[in-house]
């Protein structure tokens, strides 16, 4: 999962891009990058780390220009090398840079075609570089001279949609022209745009989440439609066009469960309200299955589950309280690479308030259970703090299948619910009882019972149904072999050794 942003302004945009990355930091903590354009010349700063650590005052001074794009990354493909931090750049044609959120499911096929047919070289393992080169090739194929217009760009995006499969939301910048934002034909990954009046003319921004627009005083216009492209030209004009033949709005439901900030709006759905409805739905199931009389107190696992837990407690008329204090300087454990790092960080990240647990029957509420490592340690903490009973509730159904569209759930064997019954998961995490949200209830909660423009949600991590229709068992086997924790660690060790060798040779 990553965060992207692009801005065309009437004054330098470096500070606005940085501020947007700070707001989108929850979408990726591995690397950050900004690329700006001034007088046709591109300026880039990118590196591993949080945005606040990647950029200092001198870096910002070296990023002039009234338009630019930016990215925060956590890797689901490739490795965590700084060479794969974004944005990426390709010289031909016109000099294009791109930042991307998502995952291409036919990346290997595309890479072969780019080399054999398009004569383009891919230098990293990142599918974002592949997407950039496909877009660049399609734009070059549509133009035969130095000039081009929005029609050429829209035809190039249409070419991307014909060739690329998977989930992707991208921002691209073309020097001397403007910024382009486009979204895959299923709208799996989010993208929204807005405008503000600078006093010198309109400024336009596209970003992964609406909260980035809000904090920079941009008025949210709307989501980029599935398959649509929007263009902000450097002279302040906005162009948009549907570039896919059969678009279907199929957003990833896990955005609403976990990834998105609660103050964001995705596909006209308020994330905060969706999580409130999740809590109400889950409360009714808990009352049926467990009974409210067995619970003394409801305690959320900070932070994402807090909204659902409050709503759940209110629906059951049970006391809600904070039982864990979170160290806000530790990253989100679910998106940390490597199981060892995840285990170590849980104890550093959360500390129980003993008085809220001692002698009580506690219901812990989390947004989801993915690998189970965090849940197991939290149950242990609750018992160590003196809880007489520890029940666990998940606002999402069991995560049983890999995600192939840009979320770090690639290896089925690393998902605690894969191949296990709910009781077996309960026993593994050590709880006295485990209640999962039903999938139909989750869909109703997020989709407001069909009152949105969403055609369907991508719920593949829960039911194994992939909306792009191209995912085979063989593909999932290759994915697991390539992206399990052991494979990622080995690949990163090799890359790090290579980088150290290059450094020592200088």
Protein backbone atom coordinates (compact mmCIF):
# COMPACT_ATOMS: atom_id res chain seq x y z
CA UNK A 1 0.00 0.00 0.00
CA UNK A 2 1.29 3.44 -0.91
CA UNK A 3 0.21 7.06 -1.01
CA UNK A 4 0.46 9.32 -4.05
CA UNK A 5 -0.08 13.03 -4.63
CA UNK A 6 0.29 15.45 -7.54
CA UNK A 7 -0.11 19.23 -7.54
CA UNK A 8 -0.12 21.94 -10.21
CA UNK A 9 0.06 25.34 -8.53
CA UNK A 10 0.71 28.98 -9.16
CA UNK A 11 3.67 29.09 -6.76
CA UNK A 12 6.26 26.55 -5.51
CA UNK A 13 4.59 23.28 -4.51
CA UNK A 14 7.42 21.60 -2.58
CA UNK A 15 5.99 22.45 0.85
CA UNK A 16 2.47 21.41 -0.14
CA UNK A 17 3.75 18.07 -1.45
CA UNK A 18 5.65 17.47 1.77
CA UNK A 19 2.64 18.37 3.90
CA UNK A 20 0.49 15.98 1.87
CA UNK A 21 2.99 13.16 2.41
CA UNK A 22 2.88 13.76 6.15
CA UNK A 23 -0.89 13.32 6.06
CA UNK A 24 -0.58 10.18 3.90
CA UNK A 25 2.27 8.70 5.95
CA UNK A 26 -0.02 5.96 7.30
CA UNK A 27 -0.12 4.48 3.78
CA UNK A 28 3.61 3.73 3.69
CA UNK A 29 6.57 4.08 6.02
CA UNK A 30 9.33 2.45 3.99
CA UNK A 31 10.33 5.29 1.66
CA UNK A 32 9.30 8.74 0.46
CA UNK A 33 10.00 10.85 -2.59
CA UNK A 34 9.17 14.19 -4.24
CA UNK A 35 9.82 15.28 -7.81
CA UNK A 36 9.15 18.82 -9.00
CA UNK A 37 9.47 20.62 -12.31
CA UNK A 38 10.73 24.12 -12.98
CA UNK A 39 11.25 25.53 -16.49
CA UNK A 40 11.18 22.04 -17.95
CA UNK A 41 13.83 20.69 -15.58
CA UNK A 42 13.04 17.94 -13.07
CA UNK A 43 14.27 17.92 -9.47
CA UNK A 44 14.14 14.77 -7.35
CA UNK A 45 14.69 13.73 -3.76
CA UNK A 46 13.79 10.21 -2.59
CA UNK A 47 15.14 7.80 0.01
CA UNK A 48 14.16 5.12 2.50
CA UNK A 49 12.50 6.31 5.69
CA UNK A 50 9.62 8.43 6.91
CA UNK A 51 8.91 11.66 5.07
CA UNK A 52 10.11 13.75 8.02
CA UNK A 53 13.50 11.98 7.85
CA UNK A 54 13.91 11.93 4.07
CA UNK A 55 13.57 15.70 3.58
CA UNK A 56 15.46 18.49 5.33
CA UNK A 57 15.59 22.20 4.64
CA UNK A 58 18.24 21.95 1.94
CA UNK A 59 16.37 19.19 0.17
CA UNK A 60 13.27 21.37 0.06
CA UNK A 61 15.25 24.30 -1.35
CA UNK A 62 16.49 21.96 -4.08
CA UNK A 63 12.89 21.10 -5.12
CA UNK A 64 11.72 24.25 -6.95
CA UNK A 65 8.82 24.50 -9.35
CA UNK A 66 5.09 25.06 -9.51
CA UNK A 67 4.16 21.44 -10.18
CA UNK A 68 5.23 18.11 -8.81
CA UNK A 69 4.33 14.62 -7.66
CA UNK A 70 5.17 12.72 -4.48
CA UNK A 71 4.95 9.25 -2.97
CA UNK A 72 5.15 7.32 0.30
CA UNK A 73 5.87 3.63 -0.06
CA UNK A 74 5.69 0.34 1.62
CA UNK A 75 6.69 -2.50 -0.69
CA UNK A 76 4.49 -5.36 -1.82
CA UNK A 77 6.61 -6.08 -4.89
CA UNK A 78 10.33 -5.80 -5.41
CA UNK A 79 12.32 -5.08 -2.28
CA UNK A 80 12.91 -2.32 0.23
CA UNK A 81 16.00 -0.92 -1.51
CA UNK A 82 16.13 2.86 -1.85
CA UNK A 83 16.57 2.28 -5.59
CA UNK A 84 12.89 1.36 -5.67
CA UNK A 85 11.68 4.46 -3.87
CA UNK A 86 9.39 6.55 -6.06
CA UNK A 87 8.76 8.60 -8.18
CA UNK A 88 10.39 6.86 -11.16
CA UNK A 89 11.59 8.70 -14.26
CA UNK A 90 12.00 7.74 -17.91
CA UNK A 91 13.56 10.01 -20.50
CA UNK A 92 11.60 9.03 -23.61
CA UNK A 93 9.28 10.47 -24.67
CA UNK A 94 9.23 13.98 -23.22
CA UNK A 95 10.68 12.96 -19.85
CA UNK A 96 7.93 11.43 -17.73
CA UNK A 97 7.92 10.66 -14.01
CA UNK A 98 5.34 8.55 -12.20
CA UNK A 99 4.28 7.44 -8.72
CA UNK A 100 1.96 4.50 -8.24
CA UNK A 101 -0.19 2.83 -5.59
CA UNK A 102 -1.27 -0.73 -6.25
CA UNK A 103 -0.02 -3.89 -7.92
CA UNK A 104 0.00 -5.12 -11.52
CA UNK A 105 -1.04 -8.76 -11.70
CA UNK A 106 0.50 -9.28 -15.16
CA UNK A 107 3.81 -7.55 -14.41
CA UNK A 108 5.98 -10.42 -15.69
CA UNK A 109 4.16 -10.52 -19.02
CA UNK A 110 4.38 -6.73 -19.35
CA UNK A 111 8.10 -6.72 -18.62
CA UNK A 112 8.71 -9.30 -21.36
CA UNK A 113 6.62 -7.30 -23.85
CA UNK A 114 8.37 -4.05 -22.97
CA UNK A 115 11.76 -5.62 -23.68
CA UNK A 116 10.90 -7.68 -26.76
CA UNK A 117 8.41 -5.44 -28.52
CA UNK A 118 8.76 -1.93 -27.09
CA UNK A 119 12.57 -2.05 -26.69
CA UNK A 120 12.37 -0.68 -23.14
CA UNK A 121 14.63 -1.75 -20.30
CA UNK A 122 13.34 -2.23 -16.74
CA UNK A 123 16.03 -1.64 -14.13
CA UNK A 124 14.26 -2.63 -10.89
CA UNK A 125 11.85 -5.28 -9.63
CA UNK A 126 9.14 -2.66 -9.10
CA UNK A 127 5.94 -2.92 -11.12
CA UNK A 128 5.68 0.87 -10.82
CA UNK A 129 8.61 1.18 -13.22
CA UNK A 130 6.76 -1.19 -15.55
CA UNK A 131 3.61 0.94 -15.38
CA UNK A 132 5.64 4.08 -16.14
CA UNK A 133 7.22 2.48 -19.19
CA UNK A 134 3.90 1.20 -20.50
CA UNK A 135 2.43 4.71 -20.18
CA UNK A 136 5.52 6.27 -21.78
CA UNK A 137 5.46 3.82 -24.68
CA UNK A 138 1.76 4.37 -25.29
CA UNK A 139 2.20 8.15 -25.25
CA UNK A 140 5.12 7.90 -27.65
CA UNK A 141 3.09 5.66 -29.94
CA UNK A 142 0.31 8.25 -30.03
CA UNK A 143 2.56 11.17 -30.95
CA UNK A 144 4.97 11.55 -33.84
CA UNK A 145 6.37 14.99 -33.11
CA UNK A 146 7.29 17.23 -30.19
CA UNK A 147 3.77 18.51 -29.63
CA UNK A 148 0.88 16.64 -28.06
CA UNK A 149 -2.39 17.49 -26.35
CA UNK A 150 -4.87 16.00 -23.89
CA UNK A 151 -6.32 13.69 -26.54
CA UNK A 152 -2.94 12.00 -26.96
CA UNK A 153 -2.61 11.58 -23.20
CA UNK A 154 -6.09 10.08 -22.91
CA UNK A 155 -5.34 7.63 -25.71
CA UNK A 156 -2.13 6.66 -23.90
CA UNK A 157 -4.04 5.98 -20.67
CA UNK A 158 -6.53 3.90 -22.67
CA UNK A 159 -3.56 1.89 -23.91
CA UNK A 160 -2.40 1.38 -20.32
CA UNK A 161 -5.84 0.04 -19.41
CA UNK A 162 -5.79 -2.38 -22.33
CA UNK A 163 -2.39 -3.77 -21.40
CA UNK A 164 -2.26 -3.61 -17.60
CA UNK A 165 -4.24 -5.74 -15.18
CA UNK A 166 -4.55 -5.38 -11.43
CA UNK A 167 -5.21 -2.47 -9.10
CA UNK A 168 -3.47 0.84 -9.67
CA UNK A 169 -3.87 4.53 -8.97
CA UNK A 170 -1.11 6.65 -10.47
CA UNK A 171 0.07 10.22 -10.82
CA UNK A 172 2.43 11.17 -13.66
CA UNK A 173 4.14 14.45 -14.51
CA UNK A 174 5.23 15.58 -17.97
CA UNK A 175 7.64 18.56 -18.00
CA UNK A 176 6.25 21.64 -19.68
CA UNK A 177 2.77 20.14 -19.77
CA UNK A 178 1.21 19.10 -16.46
CA UNK A 179 0.17 16.33 -14.10
CA UNK A 180 -1.94 13.29 -15.03
CA UNK A 181 -3.87 11.12 -12.59
CA UNK A 182 -5.51 7.83 -13.55
CA UNK A 183 -7.18 4.87 -11.88
CA UNK A 184 -7.59 1.24 -12.91
CA UNK A 185 -10.87 0.24 -14.63
CA UNK A 186 -12.11 -1.44 -11.44
CA UNK A 187 -11.25 1.48 -9.19
CA UNK A 188 -9.64 -0.89 -6.69
CA UNK A 189 -7.19 1.66 -5.33
CA UNK A 190 -8.48 5.12 -4.33
CA UNK A 191 -7.77 8.45 -6.03
CA UNK A 192 -9.46 11.83 -5.52
CA UNK A 193 -8.89 15.37 -6.79
CA UNK A 194 -9.67 18.92 -5.74
CA UNK A 195 -9.03 22.60 -6.46
CA UNK A 196 -8.29 25.78 -4.53
CA UNK A 197 -8.05 29.44 -5.45
CA UNK A 198 -4.59 30.81 -4.77
CA UNK A 199 -5.55 34.39 -5.62
CA UNK A 200 -3.41 34.07 -8.72
CA UNK A 201 -5.54 31.40 -10.35
CA UNK A 202 -6.73 27.84 -9.69
CA UNK A 203 -4.44 25.23 -8.19
CA UNK A 204 -5.24 21.54 -8.60
CA UNK A 205 -4.33 18.47 -6.59
CA UNK A 206 -4.84 14.71 -6.90
CA UNK A 207 -4.15 12.33 -3.99
CA UNK A 208 -4.81 8.88 -2.61
CA UNK A 209 -7.14 10.18 0.12
CA UNK A 210 -9.35 13.23 0.51
CA UNK A 211 -7.79 14.08 3.87
CA UNK A 212 -4.71 15.30 2.00
CA UNK A 213 -6.91 17.78 0.14
CA UNK A 214 -8.63 18.90 3.35
CA UNK A 215 -5.46 19.71 5.25
CA UNK A 216 -4.15 21.84 2.37
CA UNK A 217 -7.43 23.74 1.94
CA UNK A 218 -8.29 22.19 -1.40
CA UNK A 219 -11.98 21.75 -2.08
CA UNK A 220 -12.70 18.13 -2.87
CA UNK A 221 -14.26 17.89 -6.33
CA UNK A 222 -14.80 14.13 -6.60
CA UNK A 223 -13.10 10.76 -6.88
CA UNK A 224 -11.31 9.93 -10.08
CA UNK A 225 -13.70 7.46 -11.69
CA UNK A 226 -12.56 3.87 -12.36
CA UNK A 227 -10.79 3.91 -15.73
CA UNK A 228 -10.80 7.70 -15.87
CA UNK A 229 -7.84 10.05 -16.35
CA UNK A 230 -7.67 13.66 -15.18
CA UNK A 231 -5.11 16.16 -16.49
CA UNK A 232 -4.00 19.35 -14.78
CA UNK A 233 -2.07 21.43 -17.30
CA UNK A 234 0.57 23.89 -16.18
CA UNK A 235 -1.57 26.77 -17.47
CA UNK A 236 -4.36 25.93 -15.01
CA UNK A 237 -6.74 23.91 -17.18
CA UNK A 238 -8.50 20.71 -16.14
CA UNK A 239 -9.34 17.90 -18.58
CA UNK A 240 -10.95 14.56 -17.79
CA UNK A 241 -12.11 11.57 -19.80
CA UNK A 242 -13.20 7.98 -19.31
CA UNK A 243 -10.46 5.85 -20.88
CA UNK A 244 -11.66 2.30 -20.16
CA UNK A 245 -14.19 0.29 -22.12
CA UNK A 246 -16.09 -1.38 -19.27
CA UNK A 247 -15.28 0.35 -15.97
CA UNK A 248 -16.77 -0.99 -12.75
CA UNK A 249 -16.47 0.71 -9.39
CA UNK A 250 -15.02 -2.08 -7.22
CA UNK A 251 -13.02 -0.46 -4.40
CA UNK A 252 -10.96 -2.54 -2.01
CA UNK A 253 -13.07 -2.99 1.12
CA UNK A 254 -9.92 -3.26 3.26
CA UNK A 255 -9.35 0.47 2.71
CA UNK A 256 -12.42 1.06 4.88
CA UNK A 257 -11.52 -1.62 7.40
CA UNK A 258 -7.94 -0.60 8.06
CA UNK A 259 -5.86 1.47 5.70
CA UNK A 260 -7.66 4.75 5.12
CA UNK A 261 -7.76 7.50 7.70
CA UNK A 262 -11.19 7.78 9.33
CA UNK A 263 -11.54 11.39 8.19
CA UNK A 264 -11.23 10.43 4.51
CA UNK A 265 -13.98 9.99 1.93
CA UNK A 266 -13.49 7.22 -0.63
CA UNK A 267 -15.94 6.77 -3.50
CA UNK A 268 -18.35 9.08 -1.66
CA UNK A 269 -18.28 6.86 1.43
CA UNK A 270 -17.21 8.44 4.73
CA UNK A 271 -14.69 6.05 6.25
CA UNK A 272 -15.61 7.12 9.80
CA UNK A 273 -19.31 6.40 9.28
CA UNK A 274 -18.53 3.08 7.63
CA UNK A 275 -16.58 2.03 10.72
CA UNK A 276 -19.41 3.14 12.99
CA UNK A 277 -21.76 0.88 11.04
CA UNK A 278 -19.24 -1.97 11.25
CA UNK A 279 -19.34 -1.67 15.04
CA UNK A 280 -23.14 -1.80 15.15
CA UNK A 281 -23.26 -4.88 12.91
CA UNK A 282 -20.60 -6.63 14.98
CA UNK A 283 -22.38 -5.77 18.24
CA UNK A 284 -25.53 -7.51 17.09
CA UNK A 285 -23.60 -10.65 16.25
CA UNK A 286 -21.79 -10.59 19.60
CA UNK A 287 -25.14 -10.31 21.39
CA UNK A 288 -26.44 -13.35 19.47
CA UNK A 289 -23.34 -15.53 19.72
CA UNK A 290 -21.73 -14.57 23.04
CA UNK A 291 -24.23 -12.47 24.95
CA UNK A 292 -23.59 -9.01 26.31
CA UNK A 293 -23.93 -10.18 29.91
CA UNK A 294 -20.53 -11.92 29.69
CA UNK A 295 -18.67 -8.66 29.00
CA UNK A 296 -17.69 -6.08 31.62
CA UNK A 297 -15.81 -3.65 29.40
CA UNK A 298 -15.02 -3.02 25.71
CA UNK A 299 -11.41 -2.04 24.93
CA UNK A 300 -10.17 -1.09 21.45
CA UNK A 301 -6.80 -2.00 19.97
CA UNK A 302 -5.43 1.44 18.98
CA UNK A 303 -5.95 3.13 16.63
CA UNK A 304 -7.96 1.94 13.65
CA UNK A 305 -10.48 -0.09 15.63
CA UNK A 306 -11.46 2.71 18.00
CA UNK A 307 -14.41 3.96 15.94
CA UNK A 308 -15.95 0.50 15.54
CA UNK A 309 -15.32 -0.36 19.20
CA UNK A 310 -17.08 2.79 20.44
CA UNK A 311 -20.08 2.08 18.25
CA UNK A 312 -20.13 -1.56 19.37
CA UNK A 313 -20.03 -0.62 23.07
CA UNK A 314 -22.82 1.91 22.61
CA UNK A 315 -25.00 -0.62 20.80
CA UNK A 316 -24.48 -3.21 23.58
CA UNK A 317 -24.74 -0.61 26.37
CA UNK A 318 -21.42 -1.77 27.81
CA UNK A 319 -18.72 0.48 29.25
CA UNK A 320 -16.08 1.56 26.73
CA UNK A 321 -12.62 2.50 27.89
CA UNK A 322 -9.06 2.86 26.65
CA UNK A 323 -6.99 0.01 28.00
CA UNK A 324 -3.81 0.35 25.96
CA UNK A 325 -1.47 3.31 25.66
CA UNK A 326 0.15 3.52 22.25
CA UNK A 327 3.68 4.64 21.57
CA UNK A 328 3.10 6.81 18.52
CA UNK A 329 6.72 6.60 17.43
CA UNK A 330 6.40 2.96 16.43
CA UNK A 331 5.07 2.16 12.96
CA UNK A 332 1.98 0.14 12.09
CA UNK A 333 2.93 -3.48 12.81
CA UNK A 334 0.81 -4.95 10.04
CA UNK A 335 2.88 -3.17 7.37
CA UNK A 336 6.27 -3.84 8.92
CA UNK A 337 8.43 -6.14 6.77
CA UNK A 338 9.32 -9.39 8.49
CA UNK A 339 7.61 -11.37 11.23
CA UNK A 340 10.45 -10.79 13.70
CA UNK A 341 10.11 -7.01 13.39
CA UNK A 342 6.34 -7.28 13.85
CA UNK A 343 6.67 -9.40 17.02
CA UNK A 344 9.25 -7.09 18.56
CA UNK A 345 7.33 -3.93 17.80
CA UNK A 346 4.02 -4.97 19.42
CA UNK A 347 5.43 -4.84 22.95
CA UNK A 348 7.16 -1.56 22.20
CA UNK A 349 4.02 -0.10 20.69
CA UNK A 350 1.31 -0.97 23.23
CA UNK A 351 1.29 -0.94 27.02
CA UNK A 352 -1.78 -1.98 29.05
CA UNK A 353 -3.37 0.08 31.82
CA UNK A 354 -3.64 -2.67 34.44
CA UNK A 355 -6.55 -1.17 36.37
CA UNK A 356 -8.81 -1.43 33.34
CA UNK A 357 -8.19 -5.19 33.08
CA UNK A 358 -7.80 -6.51 36.60
CA UNK A 359 -10.61 -8.89 37.51
CA UNK A 360 -12.72 -7.96 34.49
CA UNK A 361 -14.17 -9.88 31.58
CA UNK A 362 -12.79 -7.90 28.67
CA UNK A 363 -13.85 -7.69 25.03
CA UNK A 364 -10.92 -6.58 22.88
CA UNK A 365 -11.92 -5.11 19.51
CA UNK A 366 -9.58 -4.90 16.54
CA UNK A 367 -10.18 -3.91 12.92
CA UNK A 368 -8.97 -7.29 11.60
CA UNK A 369 -6.76 -10.28 12.29
CA UNK A 370 -4.21 -10.89 9.57
CA UNK A 371 -1.15 -12.84 10.67
CA UNK A 372 -2.37 -13.17 14.25
CA UNK A 373 0.94 -12.19 15.82
CA UNK A 374 -0.32 -8.90 17.22
CA UNK A 375 -3.61 -10.40 18.42
CA UNK A 376 -1.87 -13.19 20.31
CA UNK A 377 0.49 -10.84 22.12
CA UNK A 378 -2.32 -8.44 22.99
CA UNK A 379 -4.37 -11.26 24.52
CA UNK A 380 -1.30 -12.21 26.57
CA UNK A 381 -0.93 -8.61 27.71
CA UNK A 382 -4.58 -8.48 28.80
CA UNK A 383 -4.18 -11.67 30.84
CA UNK A 384 -0.92 -10.46 32.38
CA UNK A 385 -2.74 -7.25 33.36
CA UNK A 386 -5.23 -9.35 35.34
CA UNK A 387 -8.22 -9.87 33.06
CA UNK A 388 -10.42 -12.76 34.22
CA UNK A 389 -11.70 -13.43 30.70
CA UNK A 390 -10.43 -12.15 27.35
CA UNK A 391 -12.77 -12.19 24.37
CA UNK A 392 -11.65 -10.93 20.99
CA UNK A 393 -13.78 -9.35 18.24
CA UNK A 394 -12.74 -8.50 14.69
CA UNK A 395 -14.59 -5.83 12.71
CA UNK A 396 -13.63 -7.77 9.57
CA UNK A 397 -14.25 -11.39 8.57
CA UNK A 398 -11.42 -13.95 8.65
CA UNK A 399 -8.61 -13.00 6.26
CA UNK A 400 -8.07 -16.29 4.44
CA UNK A 401 -6.71 -15.39 1.00
CA UNK A 402 -3.79 -13.38 -0.39
CA UNK A 403 -4.25 -9.84 -1.61
CA UNK A 404 -2.87 -9.27 -5.10
CA UNK A 405 -3.81 -5.62 -5.61
CA UNK A 406 -1.28 -3.79 -3.45
CA UNK A 407 -1.72 -4.86 0.18
CA UNK A 408 0.99 -6.86 1.93
CA UNK A 409 -0.96 -10.11 2.31
CA UNK A 410 0.68 -12.13 -0.45
CA UNK A 411 1.44 -15.43 1.27
CA UNK A 412 -1.59 -17.51 2.26
CA UNK A 413 0.53 -19.61 4.63
CA UNK A 414 1.23 -16.48 6.72
CA UNK A 415 -2.47 -15.68 7.23
CA UNK A 416 -3.61 -17.13 10.54
CA UNK A 417 -7.15 -17.88 9.28
CA UNK A 418 -6.00 -19.64 6.10
CA UNK A 419 -6.86 -23.33 6.47
CA UNK A 420 -8.06 -22.87 10.05
CA UNK A 421 -11.51 -22.76 11.58
CA UNK A 422 -12.53 -19.78 13.69
CA UNK A 423 -12.19 -21.92 16.82
CA UNK A 424 -8.67 -22.90 15.81
CA UNK A 425 -7.76 -19.23 15.36
CA UNK A 426 -9.30 -18.48 18.75
CA UNK A 427 -7.19 -21.21 20.36
CA UNK A 428 -4.04 -19.98 18.61
CA UNK A 429 -4.37 -16.40 19.81
CA UNK A 430 -5.31 -17.65 23.28
CA UNK A 431 -8.69 -15.94 23.64
CA UNK A 432 -11.69 -17.26 25.59
CA UNK A 433 -13.87 -16.48 22.60
CA UNK A 434 -13.51 -15.01 19.12
CA UNK A 435 -16.19 -13.25 17.10
CA UNK A 436 -15.61 -12.26 13.49
CA UNK A 437 -17.76 -9.86 11.46
CA UNK A 438 -19.84 -11.60 8.79
CA UNK A 439 -18.90 -10.65 5.22
CA UNK A 440 -22.46 -9.68 4.26
CA UNK A 441 -22.63 -7.40 7.29
CA UNK A 442 -19.31 -5.80 6.38
CA UNK A 443 -20.46 -5.14 2.81
CA UNK A 444 -23.73 -3.67 4.08
CA UNK A 445 -21.87 -1.51 6.62
CA UNK A 446 -19.45 -0.03 4.09
CA UNK A 447 -21.86 0.14 1.18
CA UNK A 448 -24.75 1.54 3.24
CA UNK A 449 -26.94 -1.33 2.01
CA UNK A 450 -26.49 -0.49 -1.64
CA UNK A 451 -27.01 3.27 -1.30
CA UNK A 452 -23.69 4.12 -2.95
CA UNK A 453 -22.46 4.15 -6.54
CA UNK A 454 -20.23 1.15 -5.82
CA UNK A 455 -21.02 -1.76 -8.14
CA UNK A 456 -19.26 -4.26 -5.88
CA UNK A 457 -16.39 -4.33 -3.42
CA UNK A 458 -13.15 -6.21 -3.82
CA UNK A 459 -13.47 -8.65 -0.91
CA UNK A 460 -10.92 -11.14 -2.21
CA UNK A 461 -8.98 -11.44 1.06
CA UNK A 462 -12.12 -12.80 2.69
CA UNK A 463 -13.69 -14.95 -0.03
CA UNK A 464 -10.97 -15.51 -2.64
CA UNK A 465 -13.00 -13.84 -5.40
CA UNK A 466 -10.72 -11.52 -7.39
CA UNK A 467 -12.52 -8.79 -9.30
CA UNK A 468 -10.06 -8.69 -12.20
CA UNK A 469 -10.89 -12.31 -13.04
CA UNK A 470 -7.33 -13.25 -13.98
CA UNK A 471 -6.01 -14.78 -10.75
CA UNK A 472 -5.27 -18.51 -10.99
CA UNK A 473 -4.02 -20.99 -8.38
CA UNK A 474 -0.70 -21.10 -10.26
CA UNK A 475 -0.39 -17.31 -9.97
CA UNK A 476 -1.03 -17.46 -6.21
CA UNK A 477 1.57 -20.20 -5.80
CA UNK A 478 4.18 -18.09 -7.60
CA UNK A 479 3.20 -15.08 -5.53
CA UNK A 480 3.59 -16.95 -2.27
CA UNK A 481 7.00 -18.28 -3.26
CA UNK A 482 8.15 -14.80 -4.25
CA UNK A 483 6.69 -12.70 -1.47
CA UNK A 484 6.62 -14.63 1.78
CA UNK A 485 8.66 -13.14 4.62
CA UNK A 486 11.58 -15.52 4.06
CA UNK A 487 11.85 -14.68 0.36
CA UNK A 488 11.61 -10.94 0.99
CA UNK A 489 14.29 -11.10 3.70
CA UNK A 490 16.63 -13.06 1.43
CA UNK A 491 16.09 -10.65 -1.46
CA UNK A 492 16.69 -7.61 0.76
CA UNK A 493 19.88 -9.14 2.18
CA UNK A 494 21.21 -9.76 -1.32
CA UNK A 495 20.31 -6.24 -2.42
CA UNK A 496 21.82 -4.66 0.69
CA UNK A 497 25.05 -6.63 0.21
CA UNK A 498 25.14 -5.46 -3.39
CA UNK A 499 24.62 -1.83 -2.38
CA UNK A 500 27.35 -2.06 0.27
CA UNK A 501 29.70 -3.49 -2.35
CA UNK A 502 28.96 -0.65 -4.74
CA UNK A 503 29.53 1.86 -1.95
CA UNK A 504 32.87 0.28 -0.98
CA UNK A 505 34.07 0.35 -4.58
CA UNK A 506 33.65 4.12 -4.83
